[in-house]
Amino acid sequence: MKKLIITTLVASVVTVSALGQGFVGFSGGGNAATRVSTNSAVGGASTGTTAPTANLYYYALFASTTQTASAGNGTNASYVFNNMGSVTSAWELVGIGANIASAGRYSPLSQGNTSANQGALNADNSMTVQGIAGGNNANLVAIGWSANIGTTLASLISWYNNGQPGSLGWIGQSSTSTVVLGDGVNVPTPTTWNTAPAFLLGQVPTVPEPTTIALVAIGGASFLLFRRKK
């Protein structure tokens, strides 16, 4: 009898624990109003949706109960990865996705965890939103970037905050959408497929390599010296 009671209590604790977190499906581009586009010039307007070739672009989903964000692209944005922490006071990484072989669309790859930001998805391909229980509202924001930057959030942050060395890249951030998270029992798991705001991935100019800067400086000095001799 005691063993039965203990087993029942343990099962109850596990169930309550599972219901203490909310669930969301991370994908976008289900209709034209939610598809992601790119530009072909730094600071330029959209020139069309992302190419229908898988894994050319990666995406990160963030959640918060208090924060909101505005869409932006290139260097013209205040990216939420610069304000990460608890969902009650900042933005929390939910998971990572990538574009699929359909123009302007993306699907989930893995959910965030504290070690490598590459945890396995739930059995139904949804993601667990840490710190927000199912049945509650969550503010969601997506950030997208080109694959040459890297495949993880850490690689994106390093690239963006260290002067974008090495190559031209594309980056953009959606505006905020609000959904009611699923609880795995009574509240169905929502998906961002038709609700994620469309946004633009804009080009970011690279910082010249040190050797390039040195050559420009030498050229300028030589020009001044030539003028003095004349």
C-alpha atoms as a PDB file:
ATOM      1  CA  MET A   1       0.000   0.000   0.000  1.00  0.00           C
ATOM      2  CA  LYS A   2       2.803   2.407   0.922  1.00  0.00           C
ATOM      3  CA  LYS A   3       4.575   1.668  -2.356  1.00  0.00           C
ATOM      4  CA  LEU A   4       1.363   2.421  -4.256  1.00  0.00           C
ATOM      5  CA  ILE A   5       0.928   5.748  -2.479  1.00  0.00           C
ATOM      6  CA  ILE A   6       4.547   6.743  -3.118  1.00  0.00           C
ATOM      7  CA  THR A   7       4.256   5.772  -6.790  1.00  0.00           C
ATOM      8  CA  THR A   8       1.051   7.793  -7.141  1.00  0.00           C
ATOM      9  CA  LEU A   9       2.649  10.826  -5.508  1.00  0.00           C
ATOM     10  CA  VAL A  10       5.703  10.638  -7.759  1.00  0.00           C
ATOM     11  CA  ALA A  11       3.491  10.373 -10.844  1.00  0.00           C
ATOM     12  CA  SER A  12       1.488  13.386  -9.655  1.00  0.00           C
ATOM     13  CA  VAL A  13       4.647  15.440  -9.150  1.00  0.00           C
ATOM     14  CA  VAL A  14       5.892  14.555 -12.654  1.00  0.00           C
ATOM     15  CA  THR A  15       2.524  15.481 -14.170  1.00  0.00           C
ATOM     16  CA  VAL A  16       2.362  18.806 -12.323  1.00  0.00           C
ATOM     17  CA  SER A  17       5.958  19.539 -13.300  1.00  0.00           C
ATOM     18  CA  ALA A  18       5.197  18.869 -16.971  1.00  0.00           C
ATOM     19  CA  LEU A  19       2.150  21.103 -16.828  1.00  0.00           C
ATOM     20  CA  GLY A  20       4.206  23.874 -15.237  1.00  0.00           C
ATOM     21  CA  GLN A  21       5.766  24.768 -18.602  1.00  0.00           C
ATOM     22  CA  GLY A  22       4.045  25.919 -21.746  1.00  0.00           C
ATOM     23  CA  PHE A  23       4.486  24.542 -25.259  1.00  0.00           C
ATOM     24  CA  VAL A  24       4.660  26.177 -28.682  1.00  0.00           C
ATOM     25  CA  GLY A  25       5.353  25.055 -32.235  1.00  0.00           C
ATOM     26  CA  PHE A  26       8.009  27.143 -33.987  1.00  0.00           C
ATOM     27  CA  SER A  27       7.536  27.472 -37.734  1.00  0.00           C
ATOM     28  CA  GLY A  28       6.601  30.273 -40.077  1.00  0.00           C
ATOM     29  CA  GLY A  29       5.547  31.170 -43.575  1.00  0.00           C
ATOM     30  CA  GLY A  30       2.233  29.330 -43.687  1.00  0.00           C
ATOM     31  CA  ASN A  31       0.752  32.217 -45.623  1.00  0.00           C
ATOM     32  CA  ALA A  32       2.123  35.136 -47.627  1.00  0.00           C
ATOM     33  CA  ALA A  33       1.772  37.544 -44.714  1.00  0.00           C
ATOM     34  CA  THR A  34       4.179  35.516 -42.548  1.00  0.00           C
ATOM     35  CA  ARG A  35       6.986  34.707 -45.009  1.00  0.00           C
ATOM     36  CA  VAL A  36      10.550  35.919 -44.537  1.00  0.00           C
ATOM     37  CA  SER A  37      12.275  37.985 -47.222  1.00  0.00           C
ATOM     38  CA  THR A  38      15.775  39.302 -47.940  1.00  0.00           C
ATOM     39  CA  ASN A  39      17.285  42.294 -49.722  1.00  0.00           C
ATOM     40  CA  SER A  40      20.097  42.585 -52.258  1.00  0.00           C
ATOM     41  CA  ALA A  41      21.733  45.799 -51.024  1.00  0.00           C
ATOM     42  CA  VAL A  42      22.728  47.069 -47.597  1.00  0.00           C
ATOM     43  CA  GLY A  43      19.805  49.103 -46.271  1.00  0.00           C
ATOM     44  CA  GLY A  44      17.662  48.166 -49.261  1.00  0.00           C
ATOM     45  CA  ALA A  45      14.058  47.020 -49.433  1.00  0.00           C
ATOM     46  CA  SER A  46      12.928  43.427 -49.815  1.00  0.00           C
ATOM     47  CA  THR A  47      13.702  41.798 -53.149  1.00  0.00           C
ATOM     48  CA  GLY A  48      11.759  38.602 -52.459  1.00  0.00           C
ATOM     49  CA  THR A  49      11.348  35.728 -50.045  1.00  0.00           C
ATOM     50  CA  THR A  50      14.206  33.511 -48.892  1.00  0.00           C
ATOM     51  CA  ALA A  51      15.287  30.944 -51.488  1.00  0.00           C
ATOM     52  CA  PRO A  52      13.610  27.490 -51.543  1.00  0.00           C
ATOM     53  CA  THR A  53      16.799  25.708 -50.501  1.00  0.00           C
ATOM     54  CA  ALA A  54      16.922  24.233 -46.993  1.00  0.00           C
ATOM     55  CA  ASN A  55      19.320  25.448 -44.294  1.00  0.00           C
ATOM     56  CA  LEU A  56      20.379  28.696 -45.964  1.00  0.00           C
ATOM     57  CA  TYR A  57      19.007  30.642 -42.993  1.00  0.00           C
ATOM     58  CA  TYR A  58      18.636  29.926 -39.286  1.00  0.00           C
ATOM     59  CA  TYR A  59      16.136  31.263 -36.763  1.00  0.00           C
ATOM     60  CA  ALA A  60      15.899  31.677 -33.002  1.00  0.00           C
ATOM     61  CA  LEU A  61      12.641  31.974 -31.080  1.00  0.00           C
ATOM     62  CA  PHE A  62      12.500  34.043 -27.887  1.00  0.00           C
ATOM     63  CA  ALA A  63       9.752  34.414 -25.279  1.00  0.00           C
ATOM     64  CA  SER A  64       8.922  36.880 -22.517  1.00  0.00           C
ATOM     65  CA  THR A  65       5.975  37.745 -20.295  1.00  0.00           C
ATOM     66  CA  THR A  66       6.812  41.449 -20.075  1.00  0.00           C
ATOM     67  CA  GLN A  67       8.972  42.503 -23.038  1.00  0.00           C
ATOM     68  CA  THR A  68       7.977  43.578 -26.543  1.00  0.00           C
ATOM     69  CA  ALA A  69      10.138  44.228 -29.589  1.00  0.00           C
ATOM     70  CA  SER A  70       9.941  45.974 -32.942  1.00  0.00           C
ATOM     71  CA  ALA A  71      10.913  44.464 -36.261  1.00  0.00           C
ATOM     72  CA  GLY A  72      14.293  45.484 -37.664  1.00  0.00           C
ATOM     73  CA  ASN A  73      17.010  44.268 -39.971  1.00  0.00           C
ATOM     74  CA  GLY A  74      20.685  44.687 -40.745  1.00  0.00           C
ATOM     75  CA  THR A  75      22.194  47.145 -38.302  1.00  0.00           C
ATOM     76  CA  ASN A  76      18.852  48.898 -37.918  1.00  0.00           C
ATOM     77  CA  ALA A  77      17.476  46.916 -34.978  1.00  0.00           C
ATOM     78  CA  SER A  78      17.668  46.483 -31.229  1.00  0.00           C
ATOM     79  CA  TYR A  79      18.097  42.727 -31.114  1.00  0.00           C
ATOM     80  CA  VAL A  80      16.548  40.860 -28.204  1.00  0.00           C
ATOM     81  CA  PHE A  81      19.638  38.657 -27.746  1.00  0.00           C
ATOM     82  CA  ASN A  82      21.198  41.717 -26.094  1.00  0.00           C
ATOM     83  CA  ASN A  83      18.534  41.522 -23.378  1.00  0.00           C
ATOM     84  CA  MET A  84      18.433  37.856 -22.398  1.00  0.00           C
ATOM     85  CA  GLY A  85      17.573  36.400 -19.001  1.00  0.00           C
ATOM     86  CA  SER A  86      14.491  35.249 -17.136  1.00  0.00           C
ATOM     87  CA  VAL A  87      11.241  35.513 -19.118  1.00  0.00           C
ATOM     88  CA  THR A  88       9.793  37.603 -16.297  1.00  0.00           C
ATOM     89  CA  SER A  89      12.318  40.393 -16.856  1.00  0.00           C
ATOM     90  CA  ALA A  90      13.880  39.869 -20.290  1.00  0.00           C
ATOM     91  CA  TRP A  91      13.924  37.473 -23.255  1.00  0.00           C
ATOM     92  CA  GLU A  92      14.464  33.729 -22.935  1.00  0.00           C
ATOM     93  CA  LEU A  93      15.705  31.557 -25.800  1.00  0.00           C
ATOM     94  CA  VAL A  94      13.066  28.953 -26.679  1.00  0.00           C
ATOM     95  CA  GLY A  95      14.734  27.193 -29.590  1.00  0.00           C
ATOM     96  CA  ILE A  96      16.332  27.179 -33.038  1.00  0.00           C
ATOM     97  CA  GLY A  97      14.867  26.623 -36.509  1.00  0.00           C
ATOM     98  CA  ALA A  98      15.994  26.749 -40.142  1.00  0.00           C
ATOM     99  CA  ASN A  99      14.455  27.599 -43.487  1.00  0.00           C
ATOM    100  CA  ILE A 100      12.954  24.755 -45.481  1.00  0.00           C
ATOM    101  CA  ALA A 101      12.827  23.981 -49.214  1.00  0.00           C
ATOM    102  CA  SER A 102       9.879  26.314 -49.687  1.00  0.00           C
ATOM    103  CA  ALA A 103      10.355  30.038 -50.249  1.00  0.00           C
ATOM    104  CA  GLY A 104      10.118  32.214 -47.147  1.00  0.00           C
ATOM    105  CA  ARG A 105       9.297  29.380 -44.740  1.00  0.00           C
ATOM    106  CA  TYR A 106      11.056  27.774 -41.774  1.00  0.00           C
ATOM    107  CA  SER A 107      10.609  24.925 -39.306  1.00  0.00           C
ATOM    108  CA  PRO A 108      12.019  23.910 -35.886  1.00  0.00           C
ATOM    109  CA  LEU A 109      15.341  22.124 -35.354  1.00  0.00           C
ATOM    110  CA  SER A 110      15.991  22.071 -31.605  1.00  0.00           C
ATOM    111  CA  GLN A 111      14.938  23.750 -28.397  1.00  0.00           C
ATOM    112  CA  GLY A 112      17.152  25.844 -26.199  1.00  0.00           C
ATOM    113  CA  ASN A 113      18.982  24.456 -23.219  1.00  0.00           C
ATOM    114  CA  THR A 114      21.582  25.881 -20.900  1.00  0.00           C
ATOM    115  CA  SER A 115      24.513  23.917 -22.293  1.00  0.00           C
ATOM    116  CA  ALA A 116      24.587  24.155 -26.088  1.00  0.00           C
ATOM    117  CA  ASN A 117      21.243  25.675 -27.131  1.00  0.00           C
ATOM    118  CA  GLN A 118      20.614  22.449 -29.058  1.00  0.00           C
ATOM    119  CA  GLY A 119      18.196  20.338 -27.014  1.00  0.00           C
ATOM    120  CA  ALA A 120      15.886  17.751 -28.612  1.00  0.00           C
ATOM    121  CA  LEU A 121      12.389  18.811 -29.634  1.00  0.00           C
ATOM    122  CA  ASN A 122       9.362  17.406 -27.823  1.00  0.00           C
ATOM    123  CA  ALA A 123       7.700  14.309 -29.281  1.00  0.00           C
ATOM    124  CA  ASP A 124       5.235  16.451 -31.265  1.00  0.00           C
ATOM    125  CA  ASN A 125       8.049  18.748 -32.527  1.00  0.00           C
ATOM    126  CA  SER A 126       6.943  21.520 -30.185  1.00  0.00           C
ATOM    127  CA  MET A 127       9.257  23.478 -27.890  1.00  0.00           C
ATOM    128  CA  THR A 128       9.009  23.995 -24.140  1.00  0.00           C
ATOM    129  CA  VAL A 129       8.875  27.613 -23.002  1.00  0.00           C
ATOM    130  CA  GLN A 130      10.761  27.745 -19.716  1.00  0.00           C
ATOM    131  CA  GLY A 131       9.202  29.917 -17.035  1.00  0.00           C
ATOM    132  CA  ILE A 132       5.733  30.353 -18.564  1.00  0.00           C
ATOM    133  CA  ALA A 133       3.053  27.814 -17.694  1.00  0.00           C
ATOM    134  CA  GLY A 134       0.641  26.437 -20.254  1.00  0.00           C
ATOM    135  CA  GLY A 135      -2.574  28.423 -20.633  1.00  0.00           C
ATOM    136  CA  ASN A 136      -0.731  31.720 -20.139  1.00  0.00           C
ATOM    137  CA  ASN A 137       0.193  34.404 -22.657  1.00  0.00           C
ATOM    138  CA  ALA A 138       3.717  34.538 -24.047  1.00  0.00           C
ATOM    139  CA  ASN A 139       5.217  37.318 -26.140  1.00  0.00           C
ATOM    140  CA  LEU A 140       7.257  35.769 -28.949  1.00  0.00           C
ATOM    141  CA  VAL A 141       9.949  37.200 -31.218  1.00  0.00           C
ATOM    142  CA  ALA A 142      11.962  35.480 -33.961  1.00  0.00           C
ATOM    143  CA  ILE A 143      15.413  36.431 -35.232  1.00  0.00           C
ATOM    144  CA  GLY A 144      16.755  35.090 -38.531  1.00  0.00           C
ATOM    145  CA  TRP A 145      20.257  35.118 -40.011  1.00  0.00           C
ATOM    146  CA  SER A 146      22.197  33.696 -42.950  1.00  0.00           C
ATOM    147  CA  ALA A 147      23.942  30.332 -42.563  1.00  0.00           C
ATOM    148  CA  ASN A 148      27.414  31.734 -43.321  1.00  0.00           C
ATOM    149  CA  ILE A 149      27.273  33.425 -39.898  1.00  0.00           C
ATOM    150  CA  GLY A 150      26.852  30.080 -38.110  1.00  0.00           C
ATOM    151  CA  THR A 151      24.157  27.659 -36.977  1.00  0.00           C
ATOM    152  CA  THR A 152      23.831  28.618 -33.302  1.00  0.00           C
ATOM    153  CA  LEU A 153      22.696  31.666 -31.386  1.00  0.00           C
ATOM    154  CA  ALA A 154      26.176  31.949 -29.862  1.00  0.00           C
ATOM    155  CA  SER A 155      27.762  32.231 -33.310  1.00  0.00           C
ATOM    156  CA  LEU A 156      25.281  34.940 -34.302  1.00  0.00           C
ATOM    157  CA  ILE A 157      25.901  36.992 -31.159  1.00  0.00           C
ATOM    158  CA  SER A 158      29.666  36.723 -31.568  1.00  0.00           C
ATOM    159  CA  TRP A 159      29.480  37.744 -35.234  1.00  0.00           C
ATOM    160  CA  TYR A 160      27.157  40.675 -34.631  1.00  0.00           C
ATOM    161  CA  ASN A 161      28.789  42.094 -31.507  1.00  0.00           C
ATOM    162  CA  ASN A 162      32.367  41.778 -32.764  1.00  0.00           C
ATOM    163  CA  GLY A 163      32.125  43.859 -35.907  1.00  0.00           C
ATOM    164  CA  GLN A 164      30.839  41.194 -38.333  1.00  0.00           C
ATOM    165  CA  PRO A 165      34.317  39.994 -39.354  1.00  0.00           C
ATOM    166  CA  GLY A 166      35.020  37.895 -42.411  1.00  0.00           C
ATOM    167  CA  SER A 167      31.922  38.003 -44.584  1.00  0.00           C
ATOM    168  CA  LEU A 168      28.730  39.800 -45.485  1.00  0.00           C
ATOM    169  CA  GLY A 169      25.692  38.452 -43.659  1.00  0.00           C
ATOM    170  CA  TRP A 170      21.940  38.873 -43.395  1.00  0.00           C
ATOM    171  CA  ILE A 171      20.041  39.351 -40.128  1.00  0.00           C
ATOM    172  CA  GLY A 172      16.567  40.460 -39.130  1.00  0.00           C
ATOM    173  CA  GLN A 173      14.092  40.465 -36.271  1.00  0.00           C
ATOM    174  CA  SER A 174      10.312  40.064 -36.278  1.00  0.00           C
ATOM    175  CA  SER A 175       7.924  42.204 -34.294  1.00  0.00           C
ATOM    176  CA  THR A 176       6.207  40.716 -31.237  1.00  0.00           C
ATOM    177  CA  SER A 177       3.330  38.244 -31.470  1.00  0.00           C
ATOM    178  CA  THR A 178       1.380  36.999 -28.462  1.00  0.00           C
ATOM    179  CA  VAL A 179       0.008  33.457 -28.115  1.00  0.00           C
ATOM    180  CA  VAL A 180      -1.563  31.315 -25.397  1.00  0.00           C
ATOM    181  CA  LEU A 181       0.849  28.467 -24.705  1.00  0.00           C
ATOM    182  CA  GLY A 182      -0.348  24.870 -24.749  1.00  0.00           C
ATOM    183  CA  ASP A 183      -0.348  22.832 -21.553  1.00  0.00           C
ATOM    184  CA  GLY A 184      -0.206  19.326 -23.023  1.00  0.00           C
ATOM    185  CA  VAL A 185      -3.693  18.441 -21.756  1.00  0.00           C
ATOM    186  CA  ASN A 186      -6.489  21.006 -21.990  1.00  0.00           C
ATOM    187  CA  VAL A 187      -4.957  23.860 -23.984  1.00  0.00           C
ATOM    188  CA  PRO A 188      -3.764  22.887 -27.474  1.00  0.00           C
ATOM    189  CA  THR A 189      -0.200  23.750 -28.466  1.00  0.00           C
ATOM    190  CA  PRO A 190      -0.211  26.789 -30.762  1.00  0.00           C
ATOM    191  CA  THR A 191       2.062  27.097 -33.770  1.00  0.00           C
ATOM    192  CA  THR A 192       3.574  30.239 -35.227  1.00  0.00           C
ATOM    193  CA  TRP A 193       3.033  28.854 -38.765  1.00  0.00           C
ATOM    194  CA  ASN A 194       0.308  31.377 -39.678  1.00  0.00           C
ATOM    195  CA  THR A 195       0.774  33.933 -36.893  1.00  0.00           C
ATOM    196  CA  ALA A 196       4.519  34.759 -36.867  1.00  0.00           C
ATOM    197  CA  PRO A 197       4.946  38.280 -38.290  1.00  0.00           C
ATOM    198  CA  ALA A 198       6.700  38.501 -41.650  1.00  0.00           C
ATOM    199  CA  PHE A 199      10.095  40.199 -41.487  1.00  0.00           C
ATOM    200  CA  LEU A 200      13.111  41.108 -43.595  1.00  0.00           C
ATOM    201  CA  LEU A 201      16.642  39.761 -43.246  1.00  0.00           C
ATOM    202  CA  GLY A 202      18.813  42.729 -44.155  1.00  0.00           C
ATOM    203  CA  GLN A 203      22.432  42.828 -45.256  1.00  0.00           C
ATOM    204  CA  VAL A 204      25.062  43.959 -42.775  1.00  0.00           C
ATOM    205  CA  PRO A 205      28.263  45.437 -44.211  1.00  0.00           C
ATOM    206  CA  THR A 206      31.456  43.793 -43.060  1.00  0.00           C
ATOM    207  CA  VAL A 207      34.237  45.640 -41.312  1.00  0.00           C
ATOM    208  CA  PRO A 208      37.373  45.789 -43.510  1.00  0.00           C
ATOM    209  CA  GLU A 209      40.116  43.362 -42.551  1.00  0.00           C
ATOM    210  CA  PRO A 210      43.125  44.941 -40.752  1.00  0.00           C
ATOM    211  CA  THR A 211      45.317  44.362 -43.811  1.00  0.00           C
ATOM    212  CA  THR A 212      42.832  46.245 -45.971  1.00  0.00           C
ATOM    213  CA  ILE A 213      42.782  49.154 -43.536  1.00  0.00           C
ATOM    214  CA  ALA A 214      46.590  49.179 -43.501  1.00  0.00           C
ATOM    215  CA  LEU A 215      46.756  49.254 -47.308  1.00  0.00           C
ATOM    216  CA  VAL A 216      44.303  52.146 -47.454  1.00  0.00           C
ATOM    217  CA  ALA A 217      46.358  54.047 -44.864  1.00  0.00           C
ATOM    218  CA  ILE A 218      49.586  53.435 -46.786  1.00  0.00           C
ATOM    219  CA  GLY A 219      47.929  54.555 -50.003  1.00  0.00           C
ATOM    220  CA  GLY A 220      46.694  57.745 -48.350  1.00  0.00           C
ATOM    221  CA  ALA A 221      50.122  58.515 -46.894  1.00  0.00           C
ATOM    222  CA  SER A 222      51.776  57.913 -50.272  1.00  0.00           C
ATOM    223  CA  PHE A 223      49.327  60.258 -51.951  1.00  0.00           C
ATOM    224  CA  LEU A 224      50.056  63.028 -49.429  1.00  0.00           C
ATOM    225  CA  LEU A 225      53.806  62.530 -49.827  1.00  0.00           C
ATOM    226  CA  PHE A 226      53.474  62.716 -53.628  1.00  0.00           C
ATOM    227  CA  ARG A 227      51.568  66.006 -53.370  1.00  0.00           C
ATOM    228  CA  ARG A 228      54.201  67.477 -51.044  1.00  0.00           C
ATOM    229  CA  LYS A 229      56.987  66.640 -53.520  1.00  0.00           C
ATOM    230  CA  LYS A 230      55.086  68.366 -56.296  1.00  0.00           C
END
